[in-house]
């Protein structure tokens, strides 16, 4: 499904992490795909409130939890820079879809990273 939100469609997810050789591109590609799937779900399901949005972002956060082992296997990890970069992407998505009052910590509440 193509993304209809122009702000999201023109955004390169995890750009800051791609610019750092510490993070393997193949794992970042999977992370960017998680974020794109989140956007697709938001566009398809059209959450009516923050609780519904948080349900979607929590599922995506758990997908990032699963990627942590892949980062480690590739000689990397989701550490401070990556944690902040990933969380900021969740904030960007919330803002882009009109949830400007979303709490960044709540967006990624089930994170293990």
PDB file of N, CA and C in Angstrom:
ATOM      1  N   UNK A   1       0.841  -1.180   0.000  1.00  0.00           N
ATOM      2  CA  UNK A   1       0.000   0.000   0.000  1.00  0.00           C
ATOM      3  C   UNK A   1       0.883   1.239   0.000  1.00  0.00           C
ATOM      4  N   UNK A   2       0.708   2.104  -0.974  1.00  0.00           N
ATOM      5  CA  UNK A   2       1.499   3.347  -0.969  1.00  0.00           C
ATOM      6  C   UNK A   2       1.016   4.295   0.130  1.00  0.00           C
ATOM      7  N   UNK A   3       1.952   4.983   0.728  1.00  0.00           N
ATOM      8  CA  UNK A   3       1.654   5.948   1.779  1.00  0.00           C
ATOM      9  C   UNK A   3       1.024   7.181   1.150  1.00  0.00           C
ATOM     10  N   UNK A   4      -0.109   7.619   1.684  1.00  0.00           N
ATOM     11  CA  UNK A   4      -0.780   8.798   1.113  1.00  0.00           C
ATOM     12  C   UNK A   4      -0.374  10.098   1.810  1.00  0.00           C
ATOM     13  N   UNK A   5       0.115  10.019   3.024  1.00  0.00           N
ATOM     14  CA  UNK A   5       0.549  11.211   3.747  1.00  0.00           C
ATOM     15  C   UNK A   5       1.843  11.712   3.104  1.00  0.00           C
ATOM     16  N   UNK A   6       1.799  12.895   2.502  1.00  0.00           N
ATOM     17  CA  UNK A   6       2.960  13.414   1.767  1.00  0.00           C
ATOM     18  C   UNK A   6       4.171  13.634   2.659  1.00  0.00           C
ATOM     19  N   UNK A   7       3.932  14.076   3.877  1.00  0.00           N
ATOM     20  CA  UNK A   7       5.038  14.311   4.807  1.00  0.00           C
ATOM     21  C   UNK A   7       5.776  13.003   5.095  1.00  0.00           C
ATOM     22  N   UNK A   8       5.037  11.931   5.269  1.00  0.00           N
ATOM     23  CA  UNK A   8       5.625  10.628   5.548  1.00  0.00           C
ATOM     24  C   UNK A   8       6.246  10.033   4.289  1.00  0.00           C
ATOM     25  N   UNK A   9       5.550  10.167   3.164  1.00  0.00           N
ATOM     26  CA  UNK A   9       6.044   9.590   1.911  1.00  0.00           C
ATOM     27  C   UNK A   9       7.403  10.156   1.524  1.00  0.00           C
ATOM     28  N   UNK A  10       7.672  11.404   1.861  1.00  0.00           N
ATOM     29  CA  UNK A  10       8.941  12.028   1.519  1.00  0.00           C
ATOM     30  C   UNK A  10      10.006  11.909   2.597  1.00  0.00           C
ATOM     31  N   UNK A  11       9.729  11.148   3.640  1.00  0.00           N
ATOM     32  CA  UNK A  11      10.642  11.041   4.784  1.00  0.00           C
ATOM     33  C   UNK A  11      11.500   9.781   4.684  1.00  0.00           C
ATOM     34  N   UNK A  12      12.780   9.918   4.936  1.00  0.00           N
ATOM     35  CA  UNK A  12      13.662   8.745   4.991  1.00  0.00           C
ATOM     36  C   UNK A  12      13.814   8.346   6.451  1.00  0.00           C
ATOM     37  N   UNK A  13      13.169   7.263   6.811  1.00  0.00           N
ATOM     38  CA  UNK A  13      13.209   6.788   8.181  1.00  0.00           C
ATOM     39  C   UNK A  13      14.617   6.337   8.570  1.00  0.00           C
ATOM     40  N   UNK A  14      14.985   6.658   9.788  1.00  0.00           N
ATOM     41  CA  UNK A  14      16.260   6.260  10.401  1.00  0.00           C
ATOM     42  C   UNK A  14      17.480   6.827   9.685  1.00  0.00           C
ATOM     43  N   UNK A  15      17.308   7.931   8.982  1.00  0.00           N
ATOM     44  CA  UNK A  15      18.385   8.553   8.212  1.00  0.00           C
ATOM     45  C   UNK A  15      19.650   8.749   9.049  1.00  0.00           C
ATOM     46  N   UNK A  16      19.493   9.260  10.248  1.00  0.00           N
ATOM     47  CA  UNK A  16      20.649   9.532  11.107  1.00  0.00           C
ATOM     48  C   UNK A  16      21.416   8.245  11.406  1.00  0.00           C
ATOM     49  N   UNK A  17      20.710   7.158  11.587  1.00  0.00           N
ATOM     50  CA  UNK A  17      21.375   5.883  11.878  1.00  0.00           C
ATOM     51  C   UNK A  17      22.055   5.318  10.627  1.00  0.00           C
ATOM     52  N   UNK A  18      21.446   5.506   9.481  1.00  0.00           N
ATOM     53  CA  UNK A  18      22.078   5.049   8.235  1.00  0.00           C
ATOM     54  C   UNK A  18      23.404   5.773   7.996  1.00  0.00           C
ATOM     55  N   UNK A  19      23.508   7.000   8.478  1.00  0.00           N
ATOM     56  CA  UNK A  19      24.731   7.772   8.277  1.00  0.00           C
ATOM     57  C   UNK A  19      25.871   7.327   9.184  1.00  0.00           C
ATOM     58  N   UNK A  20      25.590   6.458  10.133  1.00  0.00           N
ATOM     59  CA  UNK A  20      26.590   5.979  11.083  1.00  0.00           C
ATOM     60  C   UNK A  20      26.909   4.515  10.770  1.00  0.00           C
ATOM     61  N   UNK A  21      28.152   4.227  10.451  1.00  0.00           N
ATOM     62  CA  UNK A  21      28.559   2.868  10.070  1.00  0.00           C
ATOM     63  C   UNK A  21      28.381   1.840  11.184  1.00  0.00           C
ATOM     64  N   UNK A  22      28.180   2.293  12.401  1.00  0.00           N
ATOM     65  CA  UNK A  22      27.987   1.374  13.525  1.00  0.00           C
ATOM     66  C   UNK A  22      26.715   0.547  13.369  1.00  0.00           C
ATOM     67  N   UNK A  23      25.746   1.093  12.676  1.00  0.00           N
ATOM     68  CA  UNK A  23      24.456   0.424  12.519  1.00  0.00           C
ATOM     69  C   UNK A  23      24.393  -0.248  11.153  1.00  0.00           C
ATOM     70  N   UNK A  24      24.188  -1.558  11.123  1.00  0.00           N
ATOM     71  CA  UNK A  24      24.167  -2.280   9.843  1.00  0.00           C
ATOM     72  C   UNK A  24      22.925  -1.956   9.014  1.00  0.00           C
ATOM     73  N   UNK A  25      23.168  -1.614   7.756  1.00  0.00           N
ATOM     74  CA  UNK A  25      22.076  -1.228   6.865  1.00  0.00           C
ATOM     75  C   UNK A  25      20.989  -2.289   6.770  1.00  0.00           C
ATOM     76  N   UNK A  26      21.374  -3.563   6.738  1.00  0.00           N
ATOM     77  CA  UNK A  26      20.370  -4.609   6.565  1.00  0.00           C
ATOM     78  C   UNK A  26      19.409  -4.662   7.750  1.00  0.00           C
ATOM     79  N   UNK A  27      19.880  -4.336   8.943  1.00  0.00           N
ATOM     80  CA  UNK A  27      18.987  -4.306  10.103  1.00  0.00           C
ATOM     81  C   UNK A  27      18.187  -3.005  10.105  1.00  0.00           C
ATOM     82  N   UNK A  28      18.824  -1.911   9.730  1.00  0.00           N
ATOM     83  CA  UNK A  28      18.103  -0.643   9.631  1.00  0.00           C
ATOM     84  C   UNK A  28      16.989  -0.726   8.589  1.00  0.00           C
ATOM     85  N   UNK A  29      17.242  -1.447   7.497  1.00  0.00           N
ATOM     86  CA  UNK A  29      16.209  -1.631   6.482  1.00  0.00           C
ATOM     87  C   UNK A  29      14.967  -2.292   7.087  1.00  0.00           C
ATOM     88  N   UNK A  30      15.199  -3.264   7.949  1.00  0.00           N
ATOM     89  CA  UNK A  30      14.069  -3.939   8.601  1.00  0.00           C
ATOM     90  C   UNK A  30      13.364  -2.988   9.559  1.00  0.00           C
ATOM     91  N   UNK A  31      14.132  -2.147  10.258  1.00  0.00           N
ATOM     92  CA  UNK A  31      13.534  -1.163  11.150  1.00  0.00           C
ATOM     93  C   UNK A  31      12.713  -0.132  10.396  1.00  0.00           C
ATOM     94  N   UNK A  32      13.245   0.336   9.272  1.00  0.00           N
ATOM     95  CA  UNK A  32      12.501   1.293   8.447  1.00  0.00           C
ATOM     96  C   UNK A  32      11.207   0.659   7.933  1.00  0.00           C
ATOM     97  N   UNK A  33      11.263  -0.624   7.616  1.00  0.00           N
ATOM     98  CA  UNK A  33      10.061  -1.334   7.158  1.00  0.00           C
ATOM     99  C   UNK A  33       9.015  -1.403   8.275  1.00  0.00           C
ATOM    100  N   UNK A  34       9.456  -1.590   9.511  1.00  0.00           N
ATOM    101  CA  UNK A  34       8.534  -1.586  10.650  1.00  0.00           C
ATOM    102  C   UNK A  34       7.811  -0.239  10.728  1.00  0.00           C
ATOM    103  N   UNK A  35       8.562   0.840  10.570  1.00  0.00           N
ATOM    104  CA  UNK A  35       7.973   2.171  10.641  1.00  0.00           C
ATOM    105  C   UNK A  35       7.009   2.420   9.484  1.00  0.00           C
ATOM    106  N   UNK A  36       7.355   1.959   8.299  1.00  0.00           N
ATOM    107  CA  UNK A  36       6.446   2.111   7.152  1.00  0.00           C
ATOM    108  C   UNK A  36       5.170   1.304   7.353  1.00  0.00           C
ATOM    109  N   UNK A  37       5.307   0.106   7.901  1.00  0.00           N
ATOM    110  CA  UNK A  37       4.107  -0.702   8.188  1.00  0.00           C
ATOM    111  C   UNK A  37       3.229  -0.002   9.222  1.00  0.00           C
ATOM    112  N   UNK A  38       3.861   0.641  10.195  1.00  0.00           N
ATOM    113  CA  UNK A  38       3.088   1.404  11.180  1.00  0.00           C
ATOM    114  C   UNK A  38       2.284   2.497  10.475  1.00  0.00           C
ATOM    115  N   UNK A  39       2.912   3.217   9.576  1.00  0.00           N
ATOM    116  CA  UNK A  39       2.213   4.270   8.828  1.00  0.00           C
ATOM    117  C   UNK A  39       1.060   3.689   8.012  1.00  0.00           C
ATOM    118  N   UNK A  40       1.301   2.553   7.380  1.00  0.00           N
ATOM    119  CA  UNK A  40       0.245   1.898   6.601  1.00  0.00           C
ATOM    120  C   UNK A  40      -0.934   1.531   7.502  1.00  0.00           C
ATOM    121  N   UNK A  41      -0.632   1.001   8.689  1.00  0.00           N
ATOM    122  CA  UNK A  41      -1.707   0.641   9.622  1.00  0.00           C
ATOM    123  C   UNK A  41      -2.474   1.883  10.076  1.00  0.00           C
ATOM    124  N   UNK A  42      -1.761   2.973  10.330  1.00  0.00           N
ATOM    125  CA  UNK A  42      -2.442   4.203  10.732  1.00  0.00           C
ATOM    126  C   UNK A  42      -3.368   4.676   9.615  1.00  0.00           C
ATOM    127  N   UNK A  43      -2.899   4.624   8.383  1.00  0.00           N
ATOM    128  CA  UNK A  43      -3.724   5.074   7.261  1.00  0.00           C
ATOM    129  C   UNK A  43      -4.904   4.136   7.018  1.00  0.00           C
ATOM    130  N   UNK A  44      -4.714   2.862   7.251  1.00  0.00           N
ATOM    131  CA  UNK A  44      -5.781   1.887   7.031  1.00  0.00           C
ATOM    132  C   UNK A  44      -6.794   1.887   8.174  1.00  0.00           C
ATOM    133  N   UNK A  45      -6.281   1.861   9.407  1.00  0.00           N
ATOM    134  CA  UNK A  45      -7.163   1.722  10.561  1.00  0.00           C
ATOM    135  C   UNK A  45      -7.679   3.053  11.093  1.00  0.00           C
ATOM    136  N   UNK A  46      -7.015   4.134  10.749  1.00  0.00           N
ATOM    137  CA  UNK A  46      -7.414   5.479  11.157  1.00  0.00           C
ATOM    138  C   UNK A  46      -7.778   5.551  12.650  1.00  0.00           C
ATOM    139  N   UNK A  47      -6.789   5.416  13.522  1.00  0.00           N
ATOM    140  CA  UNK A  47      -7.086   5.454  14.958  1.00  0.00           C
ATOM    141  C   UNK A  47      -7.799   6.755  15.335  1.00  0.00           C
ATOM    142  N   UNK A  48      -8.846   6.617  16.135  1.00  0.00           N
ATOM    143  CA  UNK A  48      -9.684   7.759  16.481  1.00  0.00           C
ATOM    144  C   UNK A  48      -9.153   8.571  17.652  1.00  0.00           C
ATOM    145  N   UNK A  49      -8.272   7.962  18.441  1.00  0.00           N
ATOM    146  CA  UNK A  49      -7.776   8.654  19.624  1.00  0.00           C
ATOM    147  C   UNK A  49      -6.382   8.148  19.969  1.00  0.00           C
ATOM    148  N   UNK A  50      -5.805   8.734  21.000  1.00  0.00           N
ATOM    149  CA  UNK A  50      -4.442   8.347  21.396  1.00  0.00           C
ATOM    150  C   UNK A  50      -4.359   6.891  21.825  1.00  0.00           C
ATOM    151  N   UNK A  51      -5.365   6.389  22.506  1.00  0.00           N
ATOM    152  CA  UNK A  51      -5.333   4.989  22.942  1.00  0.00           C
ATOM    153  C   UNK A  51      -5.214   4.054  21.740  1.00  0.00           C
ATOM    154  N   UNK A  52      -5.949   4.345  20.697  1.00  0.00           N
ATOM    155  CA  UNK A  52      -5.890   3.518  19.485  1.00  0.00           C
ATOM    156  C   UNK A  52      -4.535   3.676  18.790  1.00  0.00           C
ATOM    157  N   UNK A  53      -4.005   4.891  18.773  1.00  0.00           N
ATOM    158  CA  UNK A  53      -2.672   5.098  18.202  1.00  0.00           C
ATOM    159  C   UNK A  53      -1.622   4.337  18.998  1.00  0.00           C
ATOM    160  N   UNK A  54      -1.688   4.434  20.321  1.00  0.00           N
ATOM    161  CA  UNK A  54      -0.706   3.747  21.166  1.00  0.00           C
ATOM    162  C   UNK A  54      -0.750   2.233  20.944  1.00  0.00           C
ATOM    163  N   UNK A  55      -1.909   1.676  20.712  1.00  0.00           N
ATOM    164  CA  UNK A  55      -1.991   0.239  20.431  1.00  0.00           C
ATOM    165  C   UNK A  55      -1.171  -0.105  19.189  1.00  0.00           C
ATOM    166  N   UNK A  56      -1.243   0.749  18.173  1.00  0.00           N
ATOM    167  CA  UNK A  56      -0.480   0.514  16.944  1.00  0.00           C
ATOM    168  C   UNK A  56       1.016   0.724  17.166  1.00  0.00           C
ATOM    169  N   UNK A  57       1.366   1.805  17.872  1.00  0.00           N
ATOM    170  CA  UNK A  57       2.800   2.068  18.079  1.00  0.00           C
ATOM    171  C   UNK A  57       3.421   1.038  19.007  1.00  0.00           C
ATOM    172  N   UNK A  58       2.654   0.509  19.935  1.00  0.00           N
ATOM    173  CA  UNK A  58       3.196  -0.525  20.825  1.00  0.00           C
ATOM    174  C   UNK A  58       3.512  -1.801  20.047  1.00  0.00           C
ATOM    175  N   UNK A  59       2.676  -2.145  19.089  1.00  0.00           N
ATOM    176  CA  UNK A  59       2.955  -3.316  18.251  1.00  0.00           C
ATOM    177  C   UNK A  59       4.242  -3.095  17.456  1.00  0.00           C
ATOM    178  N   UNK A  60       4.427  -1.895  16.926  1.00  0.00           N
ATOM    179  CA  UNK A  60       5.650  -1.583  16.174  1.00  0.00           C
ATOM    180  C   UNK A  60       6.867  -1.563  17.092  1.00  0.00           C
ATOM    181  N   UNK A  61       6.691  -1.085  18.299  1.00  0.00           N
ATOM    182  CA  UNK A  61       7.797  -1.079  19.267  1.00  0.00           C
ATOM    183  C   UNK A  61       8.237  -2.499  19.587  1.00  0.00           C
ATOM    184  N   UNK A  62       7.274  -3.387  19.743  1.00  0.00           N
ATOM    185  CA  UNK A  62       7.632  -4.792  20.007  1.00  0.00           C
ATOM    186  C   UNK A  62       8.388  -5.391  18.823  1.00  0.00           C
ATOM    187  N   UNK A  63       8.075  -4.955  17.613  1.00  0.00           N
ATOM    188  CA  UNK A  63       8.828  -5.415  16.434  1.00  0.00           C
ATOM    189  C   UNK A  63      10.278  -4.934  16.524  1.00  0.00           C
ATOM    190  N   UNK A  64      10.488  -3.717  17.011  1.00  0.00           N
ATOM    191  CA  UNK A  64      11.857  -3.239  17.227  1.00  0.00           C
ATOM    192  C   UNK A  64      12.539  -4.029  18.332  1.00  0.00           C
ATOM    193  N   UNK A  65      11.798  -4.410  19.358  1.00  0.00           N
ATOM    194  CA  UNK A  65      12.378  -5.255  20.400  1.00  0.00           C
ATOM    195  C   UNK A  65      12.951  -6.531  19.785  1.00  0.00           C
ATOM    196  N   UNK A  66      12.217  -7.101  18.844  1.00  0.00           N
ATOM    197  CA  UNK A  66      12.669  -8.322  18.176  1.00  0.00           C
ATOM    198  C   UNK A  66      13.913  -8.084  17.330  1.00  0.00           C
ATOM    199  N   UNK A  67      14.094  -6.874  16.822  1.00  0.00           N
ATOM    200  CA  UNK A  67      15.264  -6.560  15.999  1.00  0.00           C
ATOM    201  C   UNK A  67      16.547  -6.405  16.817  1.00  0.00           C
ATOM    202  N   UNK A  68      16.419  -6.214  18.109  1.00  0.00           N
ATOM    203  CA  UNK A  68      17.604  -5.987  18.938  1.00  0.00           C
ATOM    204  C   UNK A  68      18.609  -7.131  18.795  1.00  0.00           C
ATOM    205  N   UNK A  69      18.136  -8.364  18.751  1.00  0.00           N
ATOM    206  CA  UNK A  69      19.040  -9.511  18.591  1.00  0.00           C
ATOM    207  C   UNK A  69      19.772  -9.451  17.254  1.00  0.00           C
ATOM    208  N   UNK A  70      19.116  -8.940  16.227  1.00  0.00           N
ATOM    209  CA  UNK A  70      19.767  -8.815  14.924  1.00  0.00           C
ATOM    210  C   UNK A  70      20.845  -7.738  14.948  1.00  0.00           C
ATOM    211  N   UNK A  71      20.584  -6.647  15.652  1.00  0.00           N
ATOM    212  CA  UNK A  71      21.621  -5.628  15.818  1.00  0.00           C
ATOM    213  C   UNK A  71      22.837  -6.244  16.509  1.00  0.00           C
ATOM    214  N   UNK A  72      22.602  -6.970  17.578  1.00  0.00           N
ATOM    215  CA  UNK A  72      23.701  -7.568  18.348  1.00  0.00           C
ATOM    216  C   UNK A  72      24.456  -8.583  17.492  1.00  0.00           C
ATOM    217  N   UNK A  73      23.747  -9.415  16.757  1.00  0.00           N
ATOM    218  CA  UNK A  73      24.399 -10.410  15.896  1.00  0.00           C
ATOM    219  C   UNK A  73      25.264  -9.752  14.828  1.00  0.00           C
ATOM    220  N   UNK A  74      24.917  -8.538  14.441  1.00  0.00           N
ATOM    221  CA  UNK A  74      25.674  -7.810  13.411  1.00  0.00           C
ATOM    222  C   UNK A  74      26.760  -6.928  14.022  1.00  0.00           C
ATOM    223  N   UNK A  75      26.992  -7.068  15.335  1.00  0.00           N
ATOM    224  CA  UNK A  75      28.049  -6.297  15.984  1.00  0.00           C
ATOM    225  C   UNK A  75      27.633  -4.897  16.390  1.00  0.00           C
ATOM    226  N   UNK A  76      26.362  -4.672  16.543  1.00  0.00           N
ATOM    227  CA  UNK A  76      25.825  -3.371  16.905  1.00  0.00           C
ATOM    228  C   UNK A  76      24.846  -3.577  18.052  1.00  0.00           C
ATOM    229  N   UNK A  77      24.130  -2.551  18.402  1.00  0.00           N
ATOM    230  CA  UNK A  77      23.061  -2.670  19.392  1.00  0.00           C
ATOM    231  C   UNK A  77      22.199  -1.422  19.349  1.00  0.00           C
ATOM    232  N   UNK A  78      21.028  -1.531  19.941  1.00  0.00           N
ATOM    233  CA  UNK A  78      20.169  -0.358  20.080  1.00  0.00           C
ATOM    234  C   UNK A  78      20.593   0.318  21.381  1.00  0.00           C
ATOM    235  N   UNK A  79      21.529   1.255  21.246  1.00  0.00           N
ATOM    236  CA  UNK A  79      22.041   1.995  22.396  1.00  0.00           C
ATOM    237  C   UNK A  79      21.506   3.416  22.353  1.00  0.00           C
ATOM    238  N   UNK A  80      22.083   4.310  23.094  1.00  0.00           N
ATOM    239  CA  UNK A  80      21.505   5.650  23.292  1.00  0.00           C
ATOM    240  C   UNK A  80      21.165   6.370  21.996  1.00  0.00           C
ATOM    241  N   UNK A  81      22.088   6.447  21.060  1.00  0.00           N
ATOM    242  CA  UNK A  81      21.826   7.161  19.809  1.00  0.00           C
ATOM    243  C   UNK A  81      20.687   6.491  19.049  1.00  0.00           C
ATOM    244  N   UNK A  82      20.724   5.184  18.950  1.00  0.00           N
ATOM    245  CA  UNK A  82      19.674   4.466  18.237  1.00  0.00           C
ATOM    246  C   UNK A  82      18.340   4.586  18.967  1.00  0.00           C
ATOM    247  N   UNK A  83      18.353   4.456  20.288  1.00  0.00           N
ATOM    248  CA  UNK A  83      17.117   4.602  21.066  1.00  0.00           C
ATOM    249  C   UNK A  83      16.449   5.936  20.771  1.00  0.00           C
ATOM    250  N   UNK A  84      17.248   6.991  20.842  1.00  0.00           N
ATOM    251  CA  UNK A  84      16.704   8.327  20.593  1.00  0.00           C
ATOM    252  C   UNK A  84      16.213   8.466  19.155  1.00  0.00           C
ATOM    253  N   UNK A  85      17.004   7.971  18.206  1.00  0.00           N
ATOM    254  CA  UNK A  85      16.626   8.081  16.793  1.00  0.00           C
ATOM    255  C   UNK A  85      15.351   7.332  16.478  1.00  0.00           C
ATOM    256  N   UNK A  86      15.210   6.149  17.022  1.00  0.00           N
ATOM    257  CA  UNK A  86      13.999   5.357  16.775  1.00  0.00           C
ATOM    258  C   UNK A  86      12.791   6.030  17.421  1.00  0.00           C
ATOM    259  N   UNK A  87      12.937   6.449  18.666  1.00  0.00           N
ATOM    260  CA  UNK A  87      11.830   7.109  19.365  1.00  0.00           C
ATOM    261  C   UNK A  87      11.405   8.380  18.635  1.00  0.00           C
ATOM    262  N   UNK A  88      12.373   9.141  18.135  1.00  0.00           N
ATOM    263  CA  UNK A  88      12.042  10.363  17.390  1.00  0.00           C
ATOM    264  C   UNK A  88      11.221  10.048  16.142  1.00  0.00           C
ATOM    265  N   UNK A  89      11.490   8.918  15.513  1.00  0.00           N
ATOM    266  CA  UNK A  89      10.706   8.537  14.337  1.00  0.00           C
ATOM    267  C   UNK A  89       9.250   8.254  14.721  1.00  0.00           C
ATOM    268  N   UNK A  90       9.044   7.624  15.875  1.00  0.00           N
ATOM    269  CA  UNK A  90       7.681   7.405  16.343  1.00  0.00           C
ATOM    270  C   UNK A  90       6.990   8.748  16.588  1.00  0.00           C
ATOM    271  N   UNK A  91       7.719   9.698  17.157  1.00  0.00           N
ATOM    272  CA  UNK A  91       7.166  11.038  17.373  1.00  0.00           C
ATOM    273  C   UNK A  91       6.834  11.732  16.065  1.00  0.00           C
ATOM    274  N   UNK A  92       7.719  11.601  15.074  1.00  0.00           N
ATOM    275  CA  UNK A  92       7.474  12.174  13.757  1.00  0.00           C
ATOM    276  C   UNK A  92       6.187  11.606  13.169  1.00  0.00           C
ATOM    277  N   UNK A  93       6.025  10.300  13.267  1.00  0.00           N
ATOM    278  CA  UNK A  93       4.832   9.654  12.706  1.00  0.00           C
ATOM    279  C   UNK A  93       3.574  10.164  13.399  1.00  0.00           C
ATOM    280  N   UNK A  94       3.607  10.217  14.718  1.00  0.00           N
ATOM    281  CA  UNK A  94       2.435  10.714  15.455  1.00  0.00           C
ATOM    282  C   UNK A  94       2.079  12.129  15.010  1.00  0.00           C
ATOM    283  N   UNK A  95       3.074  12.989  14.919  1.00  0.00           N
ATOM    284  CA  UNK A  95       2.838  14.375  14.488  1.00  0.00           C
ATOM    285  C   UNK A  95       2.296  14.425  13.064  1.00  0.00           C
ATOM    286  N   UNK A  96       2.886  13.638  12.183  1.00  0.00           N
ATOM    287  CA  UNK A  96       2.484  13.656  10.771  1.00  0.00           C
ATOM    288  C   UNK A  96       1.028  13.247  10.583  1.00  0.00           C
ATOM    289  N   UNK A  97       0.529  12.413  11.489  1.00  0.00           N
ATOM    290  CA  UNK A  97      -0.856  11.966  11.383  1.00  0.00           C
ATOM    291  C   UNK A  97      -1.795  12.730  12.316  1.00  0.00           C
ATOM    292  N   UNK A  98      -1.323  13.878  12.827  1.00  0.00           N
ATOM    293  CA  UNK A  98      -2.190  14.760  13.583  1.00  0.00           C
ATOM    294  C   UNK A  98      -2.282  14.495  15.069  1.00  0.00           C
ATOM    295  N   UNK A  99      -1.470  13.587  15.580  1.00  0.00           N
ATOM    296  CA  UNK A  99      -1.482  13.286  17.011  1.00  0.00           C
ATOM    297  C   UNK A  99      -0.360  14.060  17.700  1.00  0.00           C
ATOM    298  N   UNK A 100      -0.457  15.374  17.622  1.00  0.00           N
ATOM    299  CA  UNK A 100       0.610  16.235  18.133  1.00  0.00           C
ATOM    300  C   UNK A 100       0.701  16.224  19.655  1.00  0.00           C
ATOM    301  N   UNK A 101      -0.322  15.717  20.320  1.00  0.00           N
ATOM    302  CA  UNK A 101      -0.296  15.656  21.777  1.00  0.00           C
ATOM    303  C   UNK A 101       0.134  14.277  22.294  1.00  0.00           C
ATOM    304  N   UNK A 102       0.594  13.419  21.401  1.00  0.00           N
ATOM    305  CA  UNK A 102       1.048  12.082  21.814  1.00  0.00           C
ATOM    306  C   UNK A 102       2.296  12.213  22.682  1.00  0.00           C
ATOM    307  N   UNK A 103       2.372  11.372  23.686  1.00  0.00           N
ATOM    308  CA  UNK A 103       3.518  11.338  24.585  1.00  0.00           C
ATOM    309  C   UNK A 103       4.573  10.403  23.997  1.00  0.00           C
ATOM    310  N   UNK A 104       5.771  10.927  23.782  1.00  0.00           N
ATOM    311  CA  UNK A 104       6.829  10.143  23.143  1.00  0.00           C
ATOM    312  C   UNK A 104       7.143   8.873  23.928  1.00  0.00           C
ATOM    313  N   UNK A 105       7.204   8.975  25.230  1.00  0.00           N
ATOM    314  CA  UNK A 105       7.498   7.787  26.047  1.00  0.00           C
ATOM    315  C   UNK A 105       6.380   6.757  25.940  1.00  0.00           C
ATOM    316  N   UNK A 106       5.154   7.205  25.860  1.00  0.00           N
ATOM    317  CA  UNK A 106       4.041   6.267  25.744  1.00  0.00           C
ATOM    318  C   UNK A 106       4.001   5.627  24.361  1.00  0.00           C
ATOM    319  N   UNK A 107       4.424   6.370  23.343  1.00  0.00           N
ATOM    320  CA  UNK A 107       4.443   5.786  21.998  1.00  0.00           C
ATOM    321  C   UNK A 107       5.293   4.526  21.948  1.00  0.00           C
ATOM    322  N   UNK A 108       6.384   4.506  22.699  1.00  0.00           N
ATOM    323  CA  UNK A 108       7.325   3.377  22.674  1.00  0.00           C
ATOM    324  C   UNK A 108       7.384   2.668  24.029  1.00  0.00           C
ATOM    325  N   UNK A 109       6.315   2.730  24.799  1.00  0.00           N
ATOM    326  CA  UNK A 109       6.311   2.227  26.168  1.00  0.00           C
ATOM    327  C   UNK A 109       6.789   0.778  26.325  1.00  0.00           C
ATOM    328  N   UNK A 110       6.456  -0.141  25.437  1.00  0.00           N
ATOM    329  CA  UNK A 110       6.900  -1.525  25.664  1.00  0.00           C
ATOM    330  C   UNK A 110       8.328  -1.819  25.184  1.00  0.00           C
ATOM    331  N   UNK A 111       9.118  -0.785  24.975  1.00  0.00           N
ATOM    332  CA  UNK A 111      10.470  -1.018  24.431  1.00  0.00           C
ATOM    333  C   UNK A 111      11.379  -1.708  25.458  1.00  0.00           C
ATOM    334  N   UNK A 112      12.238  -2.531  24.913  1.00  0.00           N
ATOM    335  CA  UNK A 112      13.271  -3.207  25.705  1.00  0.00           C
ATOM    336  C   UNK A 112      14.615  -2.550  25.493  1.00  0.00           C
ATOM    337  N   UNK A 113      14.668  -1.491  24.724  1.00  0.00           N
ATOM    338  CA  UNK A 113      15.930  -0.854  24.342  1.00  0.00           C
ATOM    339  C   UNK A 113      16.026   0.513  24.943  1.00  0.00           C
TER     340      UNK A 113
END
